[in-house]
Amino acid sequence: MSTDNASRARLTIDPAFVVGPVRRRTFGSFVEHLGRCVYTGIHDPGHPTADEHGFRGDVIELVKELGVSTVRYPGGNFVSGYRWEDAIGPVEQRPARLDLAWHSLEPNTVGIDEFMIWAEKAGVEPMMAVNLGTRGVQEALDILEYANIARGTALSDLRRANGAEQPYGISMWCLGNEMDGPWQTGHKTAAEYGRLAAETARAMRQMQPDLELVACGSSSASMPTFGSWEYTVLTEAYEQVDLVSAHVYYYEDEGDLGSFLASAVNMDYFIDSVAATADAVRAAGKHTKRINISFDEWNVWYQQRAESRPPSGEDWPVAPVLLEDRYTVADAVVVGDLLISLLRHTDRVHSASQAQLVNVIAPIMTEPGGRAWKQTIFHPFALTSRHAKGDVLQVVLDSPTYQTAKYGEVPLLDAVATYDAEGGELVVFAVNRSQNAALPLEIDLRDGGYRLVEAVTYSSEDHMWHATADDDTSVLPVANETAALDGSVVSASLPAISWSMIRLAKA
C-alpha cells in the first residue's frame, strides 16, 4: 500500500470507451420552501433587481452562470404537508399555513404559477413533486390537470384565469419525498408507499402517458431499511415508474479530513447499490425496461450546526435562517468529486439535483434586499456544467493510495473524462485528495492529435477559507501553469486538496 505522498498518478483515456452520454439533467438543483431559499432567496420584491413578479434578477443571473439544468420544487420535506391550491390565485387571498417539516409559517406568496414564471426566466426545466404524505392520488391528478391540460376543464381553466393561458408541460414528477423517513409527515412503510406510488403513477399516466415519474428510494444509505426499501417499492411500482430517487447528505468534515475528502467513495457505493437492487427487481419480475436513478438530493451538509436546527415551540417564523452553511475550499473539492462520481455513473444516474440552490446549503447566498454572492462550491459545479459535453469516458486510473477511517484504502486521485466528438473537445476533471502534497499526474491520451486549451485548479493554502458577501473572489479557479502536453501525454501537478479541469481539443 502506498502512503499519502507525492507518488505519480496516471490516467489512460480513449474516446472509444464510453460509459454513456453526458446528461444535462445531471446539473440540476433544488428549490424548497425551506428557510430563505424562496423568500429573500429567489423571491425578494423589495430588492433593487426584482422584476414585476418579485424575483431577484441578480440571483437569476447567478443561476444561469452556475449552469443549472433542472430545478426540483417545492420540496423536500415541505411537500409532504403541502396544499398546492393554497398558493394560486390572488396573493392577498392566499391562506398562511403551518409548515410542520421546518416549523415555519408558509405565506404561500409563491406557488406553482410564480415558480413556473421564475423557471422560464432562469432557463431551467421544472421537476415537480406531489404530496404523498398527507394526500395522494386525487391531489396528484388535480395539480397535473392544473399544470398540463390545455383548457376545457375546471382546473385547466382556473390556471388560465390565473394568468397562464398555455399549459406548463411539466414532464418530470416526483411521487412524494423521503417516505422512508420517520421525520416525514405521513411516513409510510415500503409496502404502503410502494402501493400508493403505483396507484398514483397509474392514475397520472391515464391523464398523460408520457410523464417521467420518480419513486422515492431511501433517503440515505445509512437508513436501516436501505436496499430492502428499494426492493419492496419497486416490486410494487416497477412498471409504473421510470426512476428511483437517491438522497445523501452524509458528507461533512467531522474532524476526519481524510475520510471527508474521500466522500465520493460512499456516493459510488450508494449508486452501485441502488442500481443493483433495481436490477434484482427487474430480474425477479422479468421486466424488460431498466429503472435508473434520480439522485435528486445531494450535497455537503453540516447537520449538527446551530443553523440546521429548526425553530420550536410557539415560534413559527416566515423564512427563518436555516441550513445556511458557509462552505470551505475543502467542501468545494468534495462537491467537485461528487460530480465526478455522478458523471462516471451516467449510464444509471439520469438526473441529479444538488440541494439547494439559494441560501439553504447552497452555492448562492443572498442578503435580504442586498448583495448576492458565490460560495466556494459554486465554482466546480459551474465549470463542470459548462464544459462536460458529449460522452462520459471510461478512464483507467493508476494512483497511489491512502488510508481512511471510514472507507479504508482509497486512491489519492479521482477523475473522470468527457469527450465531445462534434466539437473535438476532451475534458478531464480531477481531484487530489492528499492533505499535504501535490500529486504529479500523467494522462495518456492514446492519440497525439490534441492541443492543450486550458488547465484550471481550485485550491488554497488555507483549505478552510470560505467566501462572504464582502469577499467571494480571494479564492477562485486559476490557471494551472504546470500543465503541459507532449505528444499524446499530458502532465500536470495537482495541489493538495484541489479540484482541477484540463481541457484539450483536436488540433
Protein backbone atom coordinates (compact mmCIF):
# COMPACT_ATOMS: atom_id res chain seq x y z
CA MET A 1 0.00 0.00 0.00
CA SER A 2 1.23 3.49 -0.85
CA THR A 3 1.13 6.28 1.70
CA ASP A 4 -0.03 9.88 1.33
CA ASN A 5 2.95 11.15 -0.64
CA ALA A 6 3.71 12.70 -3.99
CA SER A 7 3.89 9.44 -5.97
CA ARG A 8 2.85 9.87 -9.55
CA ALA A 9 -0.72 9.16 -10.68
CA ARG A 10 -1.69 8.12 -14.19
CA LEU A 11 -4.83 8.20 -16.28
CA THR A 12 -5.37 6.39 -19.56
CA ILE A 13 -8.15 7.74 -21.76
CA ASP A 14 -9.52 6.50 -25.06
CA PRO A 15 -12.64 8.07 -26.65
CA ALA A 16 -13.62 4.63 -27.94
CA PHE A 17 -14.58 3.51 -24.42
CA VAL A 18 -17.83 5.22 -23.49
CA VAL A 19 -19.87 4.94 -20.28
CA GLY A 20 -22.82 6.90 -21.66
CA PRO A 21 -23.86 10.40 -22.68
CA VAL A 22 -23.30 13.47 -20.55
CA ARG A 23 -26.82 14.24 -19.34
CA ARG A 24 -27.76 17.88 -18.87
CA ARG A 25 -30.10 16.83 -16.08
CA THR A 26 -27.05 15.80 -14.03
CA PHE A 27 -26.62 19.51 -13.30
CA GLY A 28 -29.96 20.05 -11.62
CA SER A 29 -30.70 21.89 -8.40
CA PHE A 30 -33.46 22.13 -5.82
CA VAL A 31 -35.73 24.91 -4.55
CA GLU A 32 -37.73 24.03 -1.44
CA HIS A 33 -39.91 26.21 0.74
CA LEU A 34 -37.28 25.94 3.47
CA GLY A 35 -35.55 28.76 5.29
CA ARG A 36 -34.61 31.59 2.92
CA CYS A 37 -34.42 29.57 -0.28
CA VAL A 38 -37.63 31.03 -1.73
CA TYR A 39 -38.37 34.14 0.35
CA THR A 40 -35.40 36.58 0.22
CA GLY A 41 -33.64 33.94 -1.91
CA ILE A 42 -35.15 33.74 -5.38
CA HIS A 43 -38.09 35.97 -4.40
CA ASP A 44 -37.47 39.37 -2.79
CA PRO A 45 -39.92 42.01 -4.11
CA GLY A 46 -38.14 44.90 -2.39
CA HIS A 47 -34.77 44.13 -3.95
CA PRO A 48 -33.33 46.68 -6.42
CA THR A 49 -33.05 43.98 -9.12
CA ALA A 50 -36.50 42.45 -8.54
CA ASP A 51 -38.79 42.15 -11.55
CA GLU A 52 -42.53 42.72 -11.65
CA HIS A 53 -43.08 39.29 -10.09
CA GLY A 54 -40.66 39.92 -7.22
CA PHE A 55 -37.88 37.67 -8.47
CA ARG A 56 -34.30 38.82 -7.93
CA GLY A 57 -32.52 39.48 -11.20
CA ASP A 58 -29.08 39.13 -9.64
CA VAL A 59 -29.95 35.62 -8.45
CA ILE A 60 -31.32 34.63 -11.86
CA GLU A 61 -28.05 35.70 -13.48
CA LEU A 62 -26.06 33.63 -10.98
CA VAL A 63 -28.31 30.62 -11.62
CA LYS A 64 -27.56 30.93 -15.33
CA GLU A 65 -23.83 31.25 -14.64
CA LEU A 66 -24.00 28.18 -12.39
CA GLY A 67 -25.36 26.22 -15.35
CA VAL A 68 -28.39 24.70 -13.65
CA SER A 69 -30.48 22.48 -15.92
CA THR A 70 -33.44 21.31 -13.83
CA VAL A 71 -34.91 22.51 -10.54
CA ARG A 72 -36.87 20.27 -8.20
CA TYR A 73 -39.79 22.01 -6.45
CA PRO A 74 -41.45 22.61 -3.90
CA GLY A 75 -39.79 20.01 -1.65
CA GLY A 76 -38.34 18.14 0.02
CA ASN A 77 -39.88 17.51 3.40
CA PHE A 78 -42.07 20.57 2.84
CA VAL A 79 -44.12 18.87 0.12
CA SER A 80 -45.42 16.13 2.43
CA GLY A 81 -47.79 18.58 4.13
CA TYR A 82 -48.30 20.99 1.22
CA ARG A 83 -51.64 22.04 -0.26
CA TRP A 84 -50.67 23.41 -3.66
CA GLU A 85 -54.04 25.10 -4.23
CA ASP A 86 -53.36 27.43 -1.26
CA ALA A 87 -50.71 29.15 -3.41
CA ILE A 88 -52.70 30.04 -6.53
CA GLY A 89 -54.99 32.95 -7.33
CA PRO A 90 -54.86 36.46 -5.85
CA VAL A 91 -51.93 36.65 -3.43
CA GLU A 92 -53.87 38.69 -0.88
CA GLN A 93 -56.45 35.88 -0.61
CA ARG A 94 -53.97 33.05 -0.05
CA PRO A 95 -54.04 31.45 3.41
CA ALA A 96 -50.94 31.19 5.57
CA ARG A 97 -50.25 27.63 6.76
CA LEU A 98 -48.04 25.96 9.32
CA ASP A 99 -45.16 24.04 7.73
CA LEU A 100 -44.61 21.07 10.03
CA ALA A 101 -41.44 19.96 8.26
CA TRP A 102 -39.40 23.05 9.18
CA HIS A 103 -41.57 24.54 11.96
CA SER A 104 -42.18 27.66 9.90
CA LEU A 105 -45.09 29.74 8.63
CA GLU A 106 -45.72 29.44 4.89
CA PRO A 107 -47.40 32.58 3.47
CA ASN A 108 -48.00 30.94 0.06
CA THR A 109 -46.87 34.10 -1.71
CA VAL A 110 -45.01 31.90 -4.20
CA GLY A 111 -46.71 28.86 -5.68
CA ILE A 112 -46.70 26.84 -8.88
CA ASP A 113 -47.64 29.75 -11.14
CA GLU A 114 -44.91 32.02 -9.77
CA PHE A 115 -42.37 29.20 -9.80
CA MET A 116 -43.06 28.45 -13.45
CA ILE A 117 -42.57 32.14 -14.31
CA TRP A 118 -39.24 32.05 -12.46
CA ALA A 119 -38.20 28.78 -14.14
CA GLU A 120 -38.73 30.29 -17.59
CA LYS A 121 -36.74 33.39 -16.66
CA ALA A 122 -33.92 31.27 -15.22
CA GLY A 123 -33.94 28.91 -18.22
CA VAL A 124 -34.42 25.75 -16.15
CA GLU A 125 -36.64 22.68 -16.53
CA PRO A 126 -39.10 22.18 -13.65
CA MET A 127 -39.18 18.90 -11.71
CA MET A 128 -42.39 18.91 -9.67
CA ALA A 129 -43.04 16.90 -6.51
CA VAL A 130 -46.50 15.83 -5.33
CA ASN A 131 -47.69 15.32 -1.76
CA LEU A 132 -47.98 11.62 -0.92
CA GLY A 133 -47.60 12.28 2.80
CA THR A 134 -50.90 13.83 3.86
CA ARG A 135 -52.55 13.49 0.44
CA GLY A 136 -52.48 11.09 -2.50
CA VAL A 137 -53.88 10.14 -5.88
CA GLN A 138 -56.51 12.86 -6.24
CA GLU A 139 -54.14 15.69 -5.29
CA ALA A 140 -51.61 14.44 -7.85
CA LEU A 141 -54.29 14.34 -10.54
CA ASP A 142 -55.51 17.81 -9.61
CA ILE A 143 -52.12 19.51 -9.85
CA LEU A 144 -51.33 17.62 -13.06
CA GLU A 145 -54.61 18.81 -14.59
CA TYR A 146 -53.95 22.38 -13.46
CA ALA A 147 -50.41 22.34 -14.85
CA ASN A 148 -50.59 20.33 -18.05
CA ILE A 149 -54.11 20.23 -19.54
CA ALA A 150 -54.56 22.93 -22.16
CA ARG A 151 -58.16 24.04 -21.50
CA GLY A 152 -61.75 22.96 -21.09
CA THR A 153 -61.65 21.51 -17.56
CA ALA A 154 -62.25 23.19 -14.23
CA LEU A 155 -58.62 23.22 -13.16
CA SER A 156 -57.04 23.97 -16.54
CA ASP A 157 -59.42 26.90 -16.94
CA LEU A 158 -58.58 28.02 -13.41
CA ARG A 159 -54.91 28.17 -14.43
CA ARG A 160 -55.85 30.25 -17.44
CA ALA A 161 -57.91 32.56 -15.24
CA ASN A 162 -54.88 32.91 -13.00
CA GLY A 163 -52.84 34.24 -15.92
CA ALA A 164 -51.23 31.19 -17.55
CA GLU A 165 -53.01 30.71 -20.87
CA GLN A 166 -50.71 27.91 -22.07
CA PRO A 167 -50.17 24.64 -20.17
CA TYR A 168 -46.85 24.25 -18.38
CA GLY A 169 -45.96 20.89 -19.92
CA ILE A 170 -44.13 19.61 -16.83
CA SER A 171 -42.77 16.17 -17.69
CA MET A 172 -40.81 15.13 -14.56
CA TRP A 173 -42.75 14.39 -11.36
CA CYS A 174 -41.54 13.07 -8.00
CA LEU A 175 -44.04 10.78 -6.28
CA GLY A 176 -43.60 12.15 -2.79
CA ASN A 177 -40.40 12.70 -0.85
CA GLU A 178 -38.32 10.54 1.53
CA MET A 179 -41.31 8.48 2.60
CA ASP A 180 -38.96 6.03 4.37
CA GLY A 181 -38.03 8.70 6.94
CA PRO A 182 -39.82 8.74 10.34
CA TRP A 183 -39.38 12.55 10.25
CA GLN A 184 -41.58 12.77 7.17
CA THR A 185 -45.16 13.93 7.59
CA GLY A 186 -47.17 10.88 6.51
CA HIS A 187 -44.21 8.48 6.79
CA LYS A 188 -45.07 5.04 5.40
CA THR A 189 -43.69 1.54 5.26
CA ALA A 190 -42.16 0.41 1.99
CA ALA A 191 -45.22 -1.69 1.14
CA GLU A 192 -47.61 1.16 1.93
CA TYR A 193 -45.65 3.67 -0.08
CA GLY A 194 -44.96 1.31 -2.98
CA ARG A 195 -48.68 0.63 -3.39
CA LEU A 196 -49.54 4.35 -3.19
CA ALA A 197 -46.79 5.29 -5.66
CA ALA A 198 -48.01 2.67 -8.12
CA GLU A 199 -51.63 3.81 -7.80
CA THR A 200 -50.66 7.46 -8.22
CA ALA A 201 -48.45 6.72 -11.20
CA ARG A 202 -51.17 4.69 -12.94
CA ALA A 203 -53.69 7.47 -12.47
CA MET A 204 -51.31 10.19 -13.65
CA ARG A 205 -50.48 8.18 -16.76
CA GLN A 206 -54.17 7.85 -17.53
CA MET A 207 -54.14 11.62 -17.90
CA GLN A 208 -50.72 11.90 -19.55
CA PRO A 209 -48.99 8.64 -20.53
CA ASP A 210 -45.59 10.12 -21.39
CA LEU A 211 -44.72 11.52 -17.95
CA GLU A 212 -41.36 10.71 -16.34
CA LEU A 213 -42.10 9.54 -12.80
CA VAL A 214 -39.68 9.19 -9.88
CA ALA A 215 -40.39 6.83 -6.98
CA CYS A 216 -38.91 7.54 -3.57
CA GLY A 217 -35.84 5.49 -2.81
CA SER A 218 -34.03 5.55 0.51
CA SER A 219 -33.31 8.96 2.00
CA SER A 220 -29.83 7.74 2.94
CA ALA A 221 -27.66 4.67 2.54
CA SER A 222 -27.40 4.65 6.35
CA MET A 223 -31.15 4.03 6.77
CA PRO A 224 -31.81 0.62 8.36
CA THR A 225 -34.22 -0.16 5.51
CA PHE A 226 -31.78 0.82 2.74
CA GLY A 227 -31.89 -1.76 -0.04
CA SER A 228 -34.95 -3.58 1.23
CA TRP A 229 -36.95 -0.34 0.82
CA GLU A 230 -35.99 0.00 -2.84
CA TYR A 231 -36.69 -3.68 -3.47
CA THR A 232 -40.18 -3.56 -1.96
CA VAL A 233 -41.16 -0.23 -3.53
CA LEU A 234 -40.00 -1.24 -6.99
CA THR A 235 -41.63 -4.64 -6.71
CA GLU A 236 -44.92 -2.76 -6.32
CA ALA A 237 -44.29 0.04 -8.83
CA TYR A 238 -41.66 -1.14 -11.33
CA GLU A 239 -43.77 -0.87 -14.48
CA GLN A 240 -45.37 2.41 -13.40
CA VAL A 241 -42.22 4.48 -12.73
CA ASP A 242 -39.09 5.42 -14.66
CA LEU A 243 -36.60 6.40 -11.97
CA VAL A 244 -35.92 5.77 -8.29
CA SER A 245 -34.54 8.58 -6.15
CA ALA A 246 -31.33 8.65 -4.15
CA HIS A 247 -30.62 11.21 -1.42
CA VAL A 248 -27.43 11.73 0.53
CA TYR A 249 -26.18 14.35 2.98
CA TYR A 250 -23.74 12.08 4.77
CA TYR A 251 -20.83 14.26 3.74
CA GLU A 252 -19.30 16.69 6.24
CA ASP A 253 -15.89 17.20 7.81
CA GLU A 254 -16.34 15.79 11.32
CA GLY A 255 -12.67 16.21 12.22
CA ASP A 256 -11.58 13.44 9.84
CA LEU A 257 -10.47 15.35 6.76
CA GLY A 258 -9.05 12.29 5.02
CA SER A 259 -12.38 10.46 5.08
CA PHE A 260 -14.26 13.60 4.13
CA LEU A 261 -12.13 14.10 1.03
CA ALA A 262 -12.98 10.51 0.02
CA SER A 263 -16.75 11.08 0.22
CA ALA A 264 -17.23 10.12 -3.42
CA VAL A 265 -16.34 6.55 -2.45
CA ASN A 266 -19.59 6.47 -0.49
CA MET A 267 -21.56 8.02 -3.36
CA ASP A 268 -20.16 5.35 -5.70
CA TYR A 269 -21.34 2.67 -3.26
CA PHE A 270 -24.78 4.24 -2.95
CA ILE A 271 -25.29 4.43 -6.71
CA ASP A 272 -24.00 0.92 -7.34
CA SER A 273 -26.21 -0.49 -4.58
CA VAL A 274 -29.40 1.20 -5.79
CA ALA A 275 -28.72 0.14 -9.38
CA ALA A 276 -28.06 -3.46 -8.28
CA THR A 277 -31.29 -3.55 -6.27
CA ALA A 278 -33.32 -2.16 -9.17
CA ASP A 279 -31.78 -4.75 -11.46
CA ALA A 280 -32.61 -7.52 -8.99
CA VAL A 281 -36.28 -6.47 -9.10
CA ARG A 282 -36.04 -6.35 -12.89
CA ALA A 283 -34.76 -9.92 -12.99
CA ALA A 284 -37.22 -11.24 -10.40
CA GLY A 285 -40.18 -9.61 -12.15
CA LYS A 286 -38.97 -10.49 -15.65
CA HIS A 287 -39.28 -6.84 -16.67
CA THR A 288 -37.74 -5.63 -19.91
CA LYS A 289 -37.22 -1.96 -19.14
CA ARG A 290 -34.50 -0.72 -16.79
CA ILE A 291 -35.12 1.58 -13.81
CA ASN A 292 -32.48 4.29 -13.50
CA ILE A 293 -31.63 6.76 -10.75
CA SER A 294 -32.65 10.32 -9.98
CA PHE A 295 -30.05 11.49 -7.45
CA ASP A 296 -32.31 14.40 -6.64
CA GLU A 297 -30.81 15.49 -3.32
CA TRP A 298 -27.08 15.61 -2.66
CA ASN A 299 -24.57 17.98 -1.10
CA VAL A 300 -22.20 18.60 1.77
CA TRP A 301 -24.29 19.50 4.83
CA TYR A 302 -23.16 20.20 8.39
CA GLN A 303 -26.26 18.89 10.09
CA GLN A 304 -25.13 19.39 13.69
CA ARG A 305 -24.52 23.12 13.39
CA ALA A 306 -26.94 25.54 15.06
CA GLU A 307 -28.17 26.91 11.74
CA SER A 308 -29.52 23.46 10.87
CA ARG A 309 -31.90 23.37 13.85
CA PRO A 310 -35.47 24.49 13.05
CA PRO A 311 -37.43 26.82 15.36
CA SER A 312 -39.54 25.23 18.08
CA GLY A 313 -42.42 25.87 20.45
CA GLU A 314 -44.72 28.74 19.57
CA ASP A 315 -42.19 30.29 17.18
CA TRP A 316 -43.44 29.78 13.59
CA PRO A 317 -41.48 32.41 11.59
CA VAL A 318 -41.64 33.09 7.86
CA ALA A 319 -38.39 32.23 6.07
CA PRO A 320 -36.14 31.77 9.13
CA VAL A 321 -32.38 31.43 8.73
CA LEU A 322 -31.97 27.68 8.33
CA LEU A 323 -29.21 25.42 6.99
CA GLU A 324 -27.09 28.39 5.88
CA ASP A 325 -23.76 26.58 5.82
CA ARG A 326 -20.66 28.54 4.86
CA TYR A 327 -18.62 26.30 2.59
CA THR A 328 -14.84 25.97 2.64
CA VAL A 329 -12.38 25.22 -0.14
CA ALA A 330 -12.24 21.61 1.08
CA ASP A 331 -16.04 21.43 0.82
CA ALA A 332 -15.80 22.64 -2.78
CA VAL A 333 -13.23 19.97 -3.62
CA VAL A 334 -15.58 17.32 -2.25
CA VAL A 335 -18.52 18.75 -4.24
CA GLY A 336 -16.37 18.62 -7.38
CA ASP A 337 -15.55 14.99 -6.60
CA LEU A 338 -19.21 14.10 -6.05
CA LEU A 339 -19.91 15.49 -9.53
CA ILE A 340 -17.14 13.19 -10.82
CA SER A 341 -18.99 10.26 -9.23
CA LEU A 342 -22.32 11.29 -10.78
CA LEU A 343 -20.73 11.62 -14.22
CA ARG A 344 -18.96 8.29 -14.15
CA HIS A 345 -22.32 6.66 -13.35
CA THR A 346 -24.09 8.43 -16.21
CA ASP A 347 -25.27 5.05 -17.51
CA ARG A 348 -27.54 4.76 -14.43
CA VAL A 349 -27.83 8.28 -13.00
CA HIS A 350 -30.15 10.02 -15.44
CA SER A 351 -30.95 13.05 -13.30
CA ALA A 352 -29.47 14.77 -10.23
CA SER A 353 -30.31 17.79 -8.10
CA GLN A 354 -27.84 19.50 -5.82
CA ALA A 355 -29.66 20.67 -2.69
CA GLN A 356 -30.27 23.50 -2.58
CA LEU A 357 -29.93 26.48 -4.90
CA VAL A 358 -30.03 29.63 -2.76
CA ASN A 359 -29.16 30.26 0.93
CA VAL A 360 -30.03 26.73 2.14
CA ILE A 361 -26.87 24.56 1.91
CA ALA A 362 -26.40 26.43 -1.33
CA PRO A 363 -23.86 27.66 -3.89
CA ILE A 364 -25.59 31.08 -3.99
CA MET A 365 -26.12 33.29 -0.94
CA THR A 366 -28.13 36.48 -0.57
CA GLU A 367 -28.75 39.29 1.85
CA PRO A 368 -32.44 40.30 2.13
CA GLY A 369 -32.70 43.36 -0.08
CA GLY A 370 -28.92 43.35 -0.51
CA ARG A 371 -25.98 41.53 -2.03
CA ALA A 372 -25.74 38.10 -3.61
CA TRP A 373 -22.51 36.15 -3.72
CA LYS A 374 -20.96 32.82 -4.73
CA GLN A 375 -19.93 30.19 -2.23
CA THR A 376 -16.85 28.03 -2.86
CA ILE A 377 -18.97 25.13 -4.12
CA PHE A 378 -20.30 27.33 -6.93
CA HIS A 379 -17.08 27.03 -8.93
CA PRO A 380 -16.59 23.28 -9.58
CA PHE A 381 -20.30 22.92 -10.32
CA ALA A 382 -20.35 25.81 -12.80
CA LEU A 383 -17.22 24.69 -14.64
CA THR A 384 -18.30 21.05 -14.82
CA SER A 385 -21.75 22.01 -16.08
CA ARG A 386 -20.25 24.35 -18.68
CA HIS A 387 -17.60 22.01 -20.09
CA ALA A 388 -18.83 18.41 -19.63
CA LYS A 389 -20.29 17.58 -23.06
CA GLY A 390 -20.72 14.66 -25.39
CA ASP A 391 -19.95 11.31 -23.75
CA VAL A 392 -18.52 10.27 -20.41
CA LEU A 393 -15.48 8.05 -20.96
CA GLN A 394 -14.19 5.10 -19.02
CA VAL A 395 -10.82 6.05 -17.58
CA VAL A 396 -8.13 3.71 -16.32
CA LEU A 397 -6.80 5.17 -13.09
CA ASP A 398 -3.48 4.20 -11.50
CA SER A 399 -2.98 6.17 -8.30
CA PRO A 400 -1.14 5.99 -5.01
CA THR A 401 -3.49 5.39 -2.10
CA TYR A 402 -4.01 6.49 1.48
CA GLN A 403 -5.82 5.06 4.46
CA THR A 404 -9.12 6.46 5.71
CA ALA A 405 -11.05 5.70 8.88
CA LYS A 406 -14.40 5.40 7.06
CA TYR A 407 -13.57 3.85 3.71
CA GLY A 408 -10.28 2.04 4.16
CA GLU A 409 -7.67 2.40 1.45
CA VAL A 410 -8.66 4.86 -1.29
CA PRO A 411 -6.81 6.46 -4.22
CA LEU A 412 -5.37 9.95 -3.85
CA LEU A 413 -6.57 10.74 -7.35
CA ASP A 414 -10.17 10.68 -8.50
CA ALA A 415 -11.02 11.61 -12.07
CA VAL A 416 -13.43 11.35 -14.95
CA ALA A 417 -13.26 12.46 -18.59
CA THR A 418 -15.78 13.60 -21.18
CA TYR A 419 -15.40 13.74 -24.95
CA ASP A 420 -17.46 15.82 -27.36
CA ALA A 421 -16.96 14.25 -30.77
CA GLU A 422 -18.79 17.08 -32.53
CA GLY A 423 -16.57 19.78 -31.05
CA GLY A 424 -13.50 17.58 -30.77
CA GLU A 425 -13.01 18.53 -27.10
CA LEU A 426 -11.78 16.22 -24.37
CA VAL A 427 -12.07 17.37 -20.74
CA VAL A 428 -10.59 15.78 -17.63
CA PHE A 429 -11.96 16.57 -14.16
CA ALA A 430 -9.62 15.52 -11.37
CA VAL A 431 -9.30 15.74 -7.58
CA ASN A 432 -6.20 15.37 -5.44
CA ARG A 433 -7.30 14.08 -2.03
CA SER A 434 -3.89 14.45 -0.43
CA GLN A 435 -3.93 16.78 2.56
CA ASN A 436 -0.31 17.86 2.35
CA ALA A 437 1.33 17.13 -1.00
CA ALA A 438 0.95 17.97 -4.66
CA LEU A 439 0.21 14.99 -6.89
CA PRO A 440 2.05 14.70 -10.22
CA LEU A 441 -0.36 13.47 -12.89
CA GLU A 442 0.24 11.95 -16.30
CA ILE A 443 -2.63 11.47 -18.76
CA ASP A 444 -2.10 9.07 -21.66
CA LEU A 445 -4.44 10.20 -24.44
CA ARG A 446 -3.56 7.28 -26.75
CA ASP A 447 -3.64 9.84 -29.58
CA GLY A 448 -1.30 12.73 -30.35
CA GLY A 449 -3.77 14.86 -32.25
CA TYR A 450 -4.71 17.24 -29.41
CA ARG A 451 -3.76 20.71 -28.25
CA LEU A 452 -3.99 21.97 -24.69
CA VAL A 453 -6.78 24.55 -24.39
CA GLU A 454 -6.62 25.33 -20.67
CA ALA A 455 -5.98 23.87 -17.26
CA VAL A 456 -7.55 25.39 -14.14
CA THR A 457 -7.30 24.42 -10.49
CA TYR A 458 -9.36 25.33 -7.44
CA SER A 459 -7.36 25.16 -4.21
CA SER A 460 -5.96 27.29 -1.42
CA GLU A 461 -3.15 27.07 1.11
CA ASP A 462 -5.95 27.59 3.63
CA HIS A 463 -8.41 24.83 2.83
CA MET A 464 -10.77 26.27 5.48
CA TRP A 465 -11.21 29.57 3.61
CA HIS A 466 -14.84 30.44 2.88
CA ALA A 467 -16.49 33.20 0.88
CA THR A 468 -18.50 36.07 2.34
CA ALA A 469 -20.59 38.91 0.96
CA ASP A 470 -17.51 41.11 1.38
CA ASP A 471 -15.10 38.66 -0.26
CA ASP A 472 -16.07 35.88 -2.63
CA THR A 473 -13.14 36.38 -5.02
CA SER A 474 -9.94 35.81 -3.00
CA VAL A 475 -10.00 32.12 -3.91
CA LEU A 476 -11.10 31.39 -7.47
CA PRO A 477 -10.21 28.75 -10.07
CA VAL A 478 -6.87 29.83 -11.56
CA ALA A 479 -4.70 28.69 -14.43
CA ASN A 480 -2.58 25.64 -13.61
CA GLU A 481 0.73 26.64 -15.18
CA THR A 482 2.25 23.20 -14.61
CA ALA A 483 0.03 21.59 -17.25
CA ALA A 484 1.81 20.64 -20.46
CA LEU A 485 1.17 18.46 -23.49
CA ASP A 486 3.95 16.39 -25.06
CA GLY A 487 2.73 14.30 -27.95
CA SER A 488 -0.05 12.16 -26.52
CA VAL A 489 0.79 12.70 -22.84
CA VAL A 490 -0.47 15.49 -20.60
CA SER A 491 1.41 16.21 -17.42
CA ALA A 492 0.34 18.43 -14.53
CA SER A 493 0.86 18.90 -10.82
CA LEU A 494 -2.32 18.89 -8.75
CA PRO A 495 -2.00 20.81 -5.45
CA ALA A 496 -3.05 19.23 -2.17
CA ILE A 497 -6.82 19.32 -1.54
CA SER A 498 -7.64 20.52 -5.05
CA TRP A 499 -10.11 20.17 -7.89
CA SER A 500 -8.86 20.63 -11.45
CA MET A 501 -10.15 20.74 -15.01
CA ILE A 502 -7.94 20.12 -18.05
CA ARG A 503 -9.40 20.88 -21.47
CA LEU A 504 -7.95 19.61 -24.74
CA ALA A 505 -9.15 19.95 -28.32
CA LYS A 506 -8.39 18.18 -31.57
CA ALA A 507 -5.60 20.05 -33.29
